[in-house]
Amino acid sequence: MENTKFTELEDKIKNIVSEQVFLKKQISTLEEALKNKESEIAEYKGKLNVLDEERNSVRTRVDSLLDLLADIEVVK
C-alpha cells in the first residue's frame, strides 16, 4: 500500500517536472517571438516616420504651388 502511494507521488513529481520543462521551452519561444515583433514594430515606426516626412514635404510643395496659383490674376 505504501509503495503504491510512493509510486503515485513519484509519477506526480515527474509530471510536474516534465510540465515545467515544457513551459520553460514555451516561454523561451514566446520571448523570441516577442523580440521579433518588437523589432518589426521598430522597423514599421521608422518607415512611418519616413512617410510622414515625405507627406510633409509634399504638403509644403503643394502649398507653395497653390500660393503661386493664387498670385495669378484670372483674365475674364
PDB file of N, CA and C in Angstrom:
ATOM      1  N   MET A   1       0.825  -1.199   0.000  1.00  0.00           N
ATOM      2  CA  MET A   1       0.000   0.000   0.000  1.00  0.00           C
ATOM      3  C   MET A   1       0.861   1.251   0.000  1.00  0.00           C
ATOM      4  N   GLU A   2       1.862   1.279   0.849  1.00  0.00           N
ATOM      5  CA  GLU A   2       2.737   2.455   0.925  1.00  0.00           C
ATOM      6  C   GLU A   2       3.533   2.617  -0.357  1.00  0.00           C
ATOM      7  N   ASN A   3       3.920   1.518  -0.958  1.00  0.00           N
ATOM      8  CA  ASN A   3       4.671   1.560  -2.213  1.00  0.00           C
ATOM      9  C   ASN A   3       3.819   2.192  -3.320  1.00  0.00           C
ATOM     10  N   THR A   4       2.531   1.932  -3.319  1.00  0.00           N
ATOM     11  CA  THR A   4       1.615   2.492  -4.306  1.00  0.00           C
ATOM     12  C   THR A   4       1.539   4.007  -4.155  1.00  0.00           C
ATOM     13  N   LYS A   5       1.428   4.486  -2.947  1.00  0.00           N
ATOM     14  CA  LYS A   5       1.370   5.936  -2.702  1.00  0.00           C
ATOM     15  C   LYS A   5       2.683   6.602  -3.120  1.00  0.00           C
ATOM     16  N   PHE A   6       3.786   5.939  -2.829  1.00  0.00           N
ATOM     17  CA  PHE A   6       5.085   6.479  -3.210  1.00  0.00           C
ATOM     18  C   PHE A   6       5.214   6.543  -4.732  1.00  0.00           C
ATOM     19  N   THR A   7       4.728   5.526  -5.420  1.00  0.00           N
ATOM     20  CA  THR A   7       4.759   5.494  -6.884  1.00  0.00           C
ATOM     21  C   THR A   7       3.873   6.600  -7.458  1.00  0.00           C
ATOM     22  N   GLU A   8       2.705   6.799  -6.875  1.00  0.00           N
ATOM     23  CA  GLU A   8       1.810   7.877  -7.328  1.00  0.00           C
ATOM     24  C   GLU A   8       2.481   9.237  -7.139  1.00  0.00           C
ATOM     25  N   LEU A   9       3.106   9.431  -5.993  1.00  0.00           N
ATOM     26  CA  LEU A   9       3.801  10.685  -5.721  1.00  0.00           C
ATOM     27  C   LEU A   9       4.947  10.886  -6.705  1.00  0.00           C
ATOM     28  N   GLU A  10       5.670   9.823  -6.962  1.00  0.00           N
ATOM     29  CA  GLU A  10       6.784   9.879  -7.907  1.00  0.00           C
ATOM     30  C   GLU A  10       6.283  10.255  -9.304  1.00  0.00           C
ATOM     31  N   ASP A  11       5.188   9.675  -9.739  1.00  0.00           N
ATOM     32  CA  ASP A  11       4.601   9.989 -11.045  1.00  0.00           C
ATOM     33  C   ASP A  11       4.144  11.443 -11.116  1.00  0.00           C
ATOM     34  N   LYS A  12       3.538  11.911 -10.023  1.00  0.00           N
ATOM     35  CA  LYS A  12       3.090  13.311  -9.995  1.00  0.00           C
ATOM     36  C   LYS A  12       4.276  14.258 -10.093  1.00  0.00           C
ATOM     37  N   ILE A  13       5.345  13.955  -9.388  1.00  0.00           N
ATOM     38  CA  ILE A  13       6.542  14.811  -9.430  1.00  0.00           C
ATOM     39  C   ILE A  13       7.148  14.798 -10.829  1.00  0.00           C
ATOM     40  N   LYS A  14       7.208  13.606 -11.440  1.00  0.00           N
ATOM     41  CA  LYS A  14       7.738  13.515 -12.811  1.00  0.00           C
ATOM     42  C   LYS A  14       6.891  14.330 -13.774  1.00  0.00           C
ATOM     43  N   ASN A  15       5.587  14.291 -13.612  1.00  0.00           N
ATOM     44  CA  ASN A  15       4.685  15.076 -14.469  1.00  0.00           C
ATOM     45  C   ASN A  15       4.903  16.574 -14.269  1.00  0.00           C
ATOM     46  N   ILE A  16       5.065  16.972 -13.025  1.00  0.00           N
ATOM     47  CA  ILE A  16       5.292  18.394 -12.732  1.00  0.00           C
ATOM     48  C   ILE A  16       6.600  18.864 -13.352  1.00  0.00           C
ATOM     49  N   VAL A  17       7.650  18.059 -13.212  1.00  0.00           N
ATOM     50  CA  VAL A  17       8.956  18.414 -13.780  1.00  0.00           C
ATOM     51  C   VAL A  17       8.860  18.471 -15.301  1.00  0.00           C
ATOM     52  N   SER A  18       8.192  17.498 -15.887  1.00  0.00           N
ATOM     53  CA  SER A  18       8.021  17.478 -17.337  1.00  0.00           C
ATOM     54  C   SER A  18       7.258  18.707 -17.817  1.00  0.00           C
ATOM     55  N   GLU A  19       6.208  19.057 -17.110  1.00  0.00           N
ATOM     56  CA  GLU A  19       5.421  20.236 -17.484  1.00  0.00           C
ATOM     57  C   GLU A  19       6.245  21.513 -17.316  1.00  0.00           C
ATOM     58  N   GLN A  20       7.051  21.569 -16.287  1.00  0.00           N
ATOM     59  CA  GLN A  20       7.895  22.742 -16.058  1.00  0.00           C
ATOM     60  C   GLN A  20       8.905  22.910 -17.193  1.00  0.00           C
ATOM     61  N   VAL A  21       9.493  21.812 -17.652  1.00  0.00           N
ATOM     62  CA  VAL A  21      10.435  21.865 -18.781  1.00  0.00           C
ATOM     63  C   VAL A  21       9.711  22.352 -20.035  1.00  0.00           C
ATOM     64  N   PHE A  22       8.526  21.809 -20.275  1.00  0.00           N
ATOM     65  CA  PHE A  22       7.731  22.226 -21.430  1.00  0.00           C
ATOM     66  C   PHE A  22       7.403  23.714 -21.359  1.00  0.00           C
ATOM     67  N   LEU A  23       6.995  24.173 -20.188  1.00  0.00           N
ATOM     68  CA  LEU A  23       6.623  25.582 -20.029  1.00  0.00           C
ATOM     69  C   LEU A  23       7.830  26.504 -20.207  1.00  0.00           C
ATOM     70  N   LYS A  24       8.998  26.080 -19.752  1.00  0.00           N
ATOM     71  CA  LYS A  24      10.206  26.887 -19.955  1.00  0.00           C
ATOM     72  C   LYS A  24      10.511  27.026 -21.438  1.00  0.00           C
ATOM     73  N   LYS A  25      10.369  25.922 -22.177  1.00  0.00           N
ATOM     74  CA  LYS A  25      10.597  25.983 -23.627  1.00  0.00           C
ATOM     75  C   LYS A  25       9.581  26.895 -24.287  1.00  0.00           C
ATOM     76  N   GLN A  26       8.329  26.789 -23.849  1.00  0.00           N
ATOM     77  CA  GLN A  26       7.279  27.633 -24.416  1.00  0.00           C
ATOM     78  C   GLN A  26       7.540  29.102 -24.100  1.00  0.00           C
ATOM     79  N   ILE A  27       7.975  29.405 -22.902  1.00  0.00           N
ATOM     80  CA  ILE A  27       8.308  30.781 -22.529  1.00  0.00           C
ATOM     81  C   ILE A  27       9.430  31.307 -23.406  1.00  0.00           C
ATOM     82  N   SER A  28      10.433  30.478 -23.612  1.00  0.00           N
ATOM     83  CA  SER A  28      11.558  30.874 -24.458  1.00  0.00           C
ATOM     84  C   SER A  28      11.095  31.177 -25.882  1.00  0.00           C
ATOM     85  N   THR A  29      10.240  30.329 -26.403  1.00  0.00           N
ATOM     86  CA  THR A  29       9.699  30.529 -27.747  1.00  0.00           C
ATOM     87  C   THR A  29       8.891  31.819 -27.817  1.00  0.00           C
ATOM     88  N   LEU A  30       8.068  32.052 -26.815  1.00  0.00           N
ATOM     89  CA  LEU A  30       7.239  33.261 -26.801  1.00  0.00           C
ATOM     90  C   LEU A  30       8.083  34.522 -26.628  1.00  0.00           C
ATOM     91  N   GLU A  31       9.135  34.444 -25.829  1.00  0.00           N
ATOM     92  CA  GLU A  31      10.025  35.594 -25.667  1.00  0.00           C
ATOM     93  C   GLU A  31      10.716  35.927 -26.983  1.00  0.00           C
ATOM     94  N   GLU A  32      11.129  34.912 -27.715  1.00  0.00           N
ATOM     95  CA  GLU A  32      11.758  35.133 -29.013  1.00  0.00           C
ATOM     96  C   GLU A  32      10.766  35.759 -29.994  1.00  0.00           C
ATOM     97  N   ALA A  33       9.540  35.271 -29.991  1.00  0.00           N
ATOM     98  CA  ALA A  33       8.508  35.840 -30.857  1.00  0.00           C
ATOM     99  C   ALA A  33       8.244  37.295 -30.486  1.00  0.00           C
ATOM    100  N   LEU A  34       8.236  37.593 -29.189  1.00  0.00           N
ATOM    101  CA  LEU A  34       8.031  38.964 -28.733  1.00  0.00           C
ATOM    102  C   LEU A  34       9.162  39.876 -29.213  1.00  0.00           C
ATOM    103  N   LYS A  35      10.400  39.404 -29.105  1.00  0.00           N
ATOM    104  CA  LYS A  35      11.539  40.192 -29.586  1.00  0.00           C
ATOM    105  C   LYS A  35      11.412  40.469 -31.074  1.00  0.00           C
ATOM    106  N   ASN A  36      10.990  39.454 -31.833  1.00  0.00           N
ATOM    107  CA  ASN A  36      10.816  39.640 -33.274  1.00  0.00           C
ATOM    108  C   ASN A  36       9.733  40.667 -33.573  1.00  0.00           C
ATOM    109  N   LYS A  37       8.644  40.608 -32.842  1.00  0.00           N
ATOM    110  CA  LYS A  37       7.549  41.564 -33.060  1.00  0.00           C
ATOM    111  C   LYS A  37       7.976  42.977 -32.666  1.00  0.00           C
ATOM    112  N   GLU A  38       8.746  43.095 -31.583  1.00  0.00           N
ATOM    113  CA  GLU A  38       9.233  44.417 -31.184  1.00  0.00           C
ATOM    114  C   GLU A  38      10.165  44.979 -32.246  1.00  0.00           C
ATOM    115  N   SER A  39      10.963  44.114 -32.842  1.00  0.00           N
ATOM    116  CA  SER A  39      11.852  44.541 -33.922  1.00  0.00           C
ATOM    117  C   SER A  39      11.039  45.002 -35.131  1.00  0.00           C
ATOM    118  N   GLU A  40       9.997  44.250 -35.463  1.00  0.00           N
ATOM    119  CA  GLU A  40       9.119  44.641 -36.567  1.00  0.00           C
ATOM    120  C   GLU A  40       8.462  45.986 -36.284  1.00  0.00           C
ATOM    121  N   ILE A  41       8.006  46.181 -35.061  1.00  0.00           N
ATOM    122  CA  ILE A  41       7.359  47.442 -34.689  1.00  0.00           C
ATOM    123  C   ILE A  41       8.326  48.599 -34.862  1.00  0.00           C
ATOM    124  N   ALA A  42       9.566  48.420 -34.420  1.00  0.00           N
ATOM    125  CA  ALA A  42      10.567  49.479 -34.562  1.00  0.00           C
ATOM    126  C   ALA A  42      10.806  49.782 -36.036  1.00  0.00           C
ATOM    127  N   GLU A  43      10.853  48.740 -36.856  1.00  0.00           N
ATOM    128  CA  GLU A  43      11.055  48.929 -38.301  1.00  0.00           C
ATOM    129  C   GLU A  43       9.891  49.697 -38.913  1.00  0.00           C
ATOM    130  N   TYR A  44       8.667  49.315 -38.530  1.00  0.00           N
ATOM    131  CA  TYR A  44       7.489  49.997 -39.064  1.00  0.00           C
ATOM    132  C   TYR A  44       7.410  51.445 -38.580  1.00  0.00           C
ATOM    133  N   LYS A  45       7.837  51.695 -37.352  1.00  0.00           N
ATOM    134  CA  LYS A  45       7.856  53.081 -36.862  1.00  0.00           C
ATOM    135  C   LYS A  45       8.822  53.917 -37.690  1.00  0.00           C
ATOM    136  N   GLY A  46       9.966  53.346 -38.035  1.00  0.00           N
ATOM    137  CA  GLY A  46      10.918  54.057 -38.878  1.00  0.00           C
ATOM    138  C   GLY A  46      10.333  54.363 -40.241  1.00  0.00           C
ATOM    139  N   LYS A  47       9.672  53.366 -40.834  1.00  0.00           N
ATOM    140  CA  LYS A  47       9.039  53.575 -42.140  1.00  0.00           C
ATOM    141  C   LYS A  47       7.936  54.629 -42.044  1.00  0.00           C
ATOM    142  N   LEU A  48       7.193  54.606 -40.949  1.00  0.00           N
ATOM    143  CA  LEU A  48       6.122  55.584 -40.758  1.00  0.00           C
ATOM    144  C   LEU A  48       6.696  56.996 -40.651  1.00  0.00           C
ATOM    145  N   ASN A  49       7.813  57.134 -39.940  1.00  0.00           N
ATOM    146  CA  ASN A  49       8.452  58.446 -39.837  1.00  0.00           C
ATOM    147  C   ASN A  49       8.897  58.952 -41.206  1.00  0.00           C
ATOM    148  N   VAL A  50       9.459  58.059 -42.026  1.00  0.00           N
ATOM    149  CA  VAL A  50       9.874  58.447 -43.375  1.00  0.00           C
ATOM    150  C   VAL A  50       8.660  58.895 -44.184  1.00  0.00           C
ATOM    151  N   LEU A  51       7.574  58.147 -44.101  1.00  0.00           N
ATOM    152  CA  LEU A  51       6.363  58.508 -44.842  1.00  0.00           C
ATOM    153  C   LEU A  51       5.782  59.832 -44.346  1.00  0.00           C
ATOM    154  N   ASP A  52       5.830  60.067 -43.044  1.00  0.00           N
ATOM    155  CA  ASP A  52       5.356  61.345 -42.507  1.00  0.00           C
ATOM    156  C   ASP A  52       6.189  62.504 -43.042  1.00  0.00           C
ATOM    157  N   GLU A  53       7.502  62.304 -43.107  1.00  0.00           N
ATOM    158  CA  GLU A  53       8.383  63.348 -43.638  1.00  0.00           C
ATOM    159  C   GLU A  53       8.083  63.603 -45.108  1.00  0.00           C
ATOM    160  N   GLU A  54       7.863  62.532 -45.875  1.00  0.00           N
ATOM    161  CA  GLU A  54       7.523  62.685 -47.290  1.00  0.00           C
ATOM    162  C   GLU A  54       6.196  63.418 -47.447  1.00  0.00           C
ATOM    163  N   ARG A  55       5.221  63.052 -46.625  1.00  0.00           N
ATOM    164  CA  ARG A  55       3.912  63.712 -46.699  1.00  0.00           C
ATOM    165  C   ARG A  55       4.048  65.202 -46.396  1.00  0.00           C
ATOM    166  N   ASN A  56       4.819  65.543 -45.375  1.00  0.00           N
ATOM    167  CA  ASN A  56       5.013  66.946 -45.026  1.00  0.00           C
ATOM    168  C   ASN A  56       5.729  67.696 -46.143  1.00  0.00           C
ATOM    169  N   SER A  57       6.688  67.037 -46.777  1.00  0.00           N
ATOM    170  CA  SER A  57       7.408  67.654 -47.893  1.00  0.00           C
ATOM    171  C   SER A  57       6.457  67.912 -49.055  1.00  0.00           C
ATOM    172  N   VAL A  58       5.632  66.928 -49.377  1.00  0.00           N
ATOM    173  CA  VAL A  58       4.667  67.084 -50.473  1.00  0.00           C
ATOM    174  C   VAL A  58       3.662  68.173 -50.126  1.00  0.00           C
ATOM    175  N   ARG A  59       3.222  68.199 -48.884  1.00  0.00           N
ATOM    176  CA  ARG A  59       2.254  69.223 -48.462  1.00  0.00           C
ATOM    177  C   ARG A  59       2.849  70.616 -48.627  1.00  0.00           C
ATOM    178  N   THR A  60       4.109  70.772 -48.231  1.00  0.00           N
ATOM    179  CA  THR A  60       4.778  72.063 -48.352  1.00  0.00           C
ATOM    180  C   THR A  60       4.882  72.477 -49.817  1.00  0.00           C
ATOM    181  N   ARG A  61       5.247  71.535 -50.672  1.00  0.00           N
ATOM    182  CA  ARG A  61       5.373  71.846 -52.106  1.00  0.00           C
ATOM    183  C   ARG A  61       4.028  72.199 -52.714  1.00  0.00           C
ATOM    184  N   VAL A  62       2.973  71.461 -52.334  1.00  0.00           N
ATOM    185  CA  VAL A  62       1.632  71.748 -52.862  1.00  0.00           C
ATOM    186  C   VAL A  62       1.171  73.124 -52.381  1.00  0.00           C
ATOM    187  N   ASP A  63       1.403  73.428 -51.110  1.00  0.00           N
ATOM    188  CA  ASP A  63       1.038  74.755 -50.595  1.00  0.00           C
ATOM    189  C   ASP A  63       1.766  75.849 -51.351  1.00  0.00           C
ATOM    190  N   SER A  64       3.040  75.616 -51.653  1.00  0.00           N
ATOM    191  CA  SER A  64       3.826  76.589 -52.409  1.00  0.00           C
ATOM    192  C   SER A  64       3.244  76.790 -53.806  1.00  0.00           C
ATOM    193  N   LEU A  65       2.884  75.700 -54.455  1.00  0.00           N
ATOM    194  CA  LEU A  65       2.279  75.796 -55.790  1.00  0.00           C
ATOM    195  C   LEU A  65       0.919  76.495 -55.740  1.00  0.00           C
ATOM    196  N   LEU A  66       0.145  76.206 -54.706  1.00  0.00           N
ATOM    197  CA  LEU A  66      -1.154  76.873 -54.571  1.00  0.00           C
ATOM    198  C   LEU A  66      -0.983  78.371 -54.341  1.00  0.00           C
ATOM    199  N   ASP A  67       0.044  78.748 -53.584  1.00  0.00           N
ATOM    200  CA  ASP A  67       0.324  80.164 -53.380  1.00  0.00           C
ATOM    201  C   ASP A  67       0.691  80.833 -54.700  1.00  0.00           C
ATOM    202  N   LEU A  68       1.477  80.149 -55.533  1.00  0.00           N
ATOM    203  CA  LEU A  68       1.824  80.701 -56.841  1.00  0.00           C
ATOM    204  C   LEU A  68       0.573  80.870 -57.715  1.00  0.00           C
ATOM    205  N   LEU A  69      -0.301  79.897 -57.663  1.00  0.00           N
ATOM    206  CA  LEU A  69      -1.531  79.991 -58.456  1.00  0.00           C
ATOM    207  C   LEU A  69      -2.442  81.097 -57.930  1.00  0.00           C
ATOM    208  N   ALA A  70      -2.420  81.333 -56.648  1.00  0.00           N
ATOM    209  CA  ALA A  70      -3.268  82.369 -56.081  1.00  0.00           C
ATOM    210  C   ALA A  70      -2.798  83.759 -56.514  1.00  0.00           C
ATOM    211  N   ASP A  71      -1.506  83.883 -56.822  1.00  0.00           N
ATOM    212  CA  ASP A  71      -0.966  85.173 -57.250  1.00  0.00           C
ATOM    213  C   ASP A  71      -1.313  85.504 -58.697  1.00  0.00           C
ATOM    214  N   ILE A  72      -1.731  84.501 -59.452  1.00  0.00           N
ATOM    215  CA  ILE A  72      -2.062  84.726 -60.874  1.00  0.00           C
ATOM    216  C   ILE A  72      -3.456  85.351 -60.950  1.00  0.00           C
ATOM    217  N   GLU A  73      -3.521  86.427 -61.705  1.00  0.00           N
ATOM    218  CA  GLU A  73      -4.813  87.078 -61.884  1.00  0.00           C
ATOM    219  C   GLU A  73      -5.574  86.350 -62.991  1.00  0.00           C
ATOM    220  N   VAL A  74      -6.827  86.155 -62.750  1.00  0.00           N
ATOM    221  CA  VAL A  74      -7.657  85.465 -63.741  1.00  0.00           C
ATOM    222  C   VAL A  74      -8.195  86.519 -64.699  1.00  0.00           C
ATOM    223  N   VAL A  75      -7.954  86.279 -65.990  1.00  0.00           N
ATOM    224  CA  VAL A  75      -8.435  87.202 -67.032  1.00  0.00           C
ATOM    225  C   VAL A  75      -9.775  86.695 -67.502  1.00  0.00           C
ATOM    226  N   LYS A  76     -10.771  87.621 -67.508  1.00  0.00           N
ATOM    227  CA  LYS A  76     -12.120  87.243 -67.946  1.00  0.00           C
ATOM    228  C   LYS A  76     -12.438  87.854 -69.272  1.00  0.00           C
TER     229      LYS A  76
END
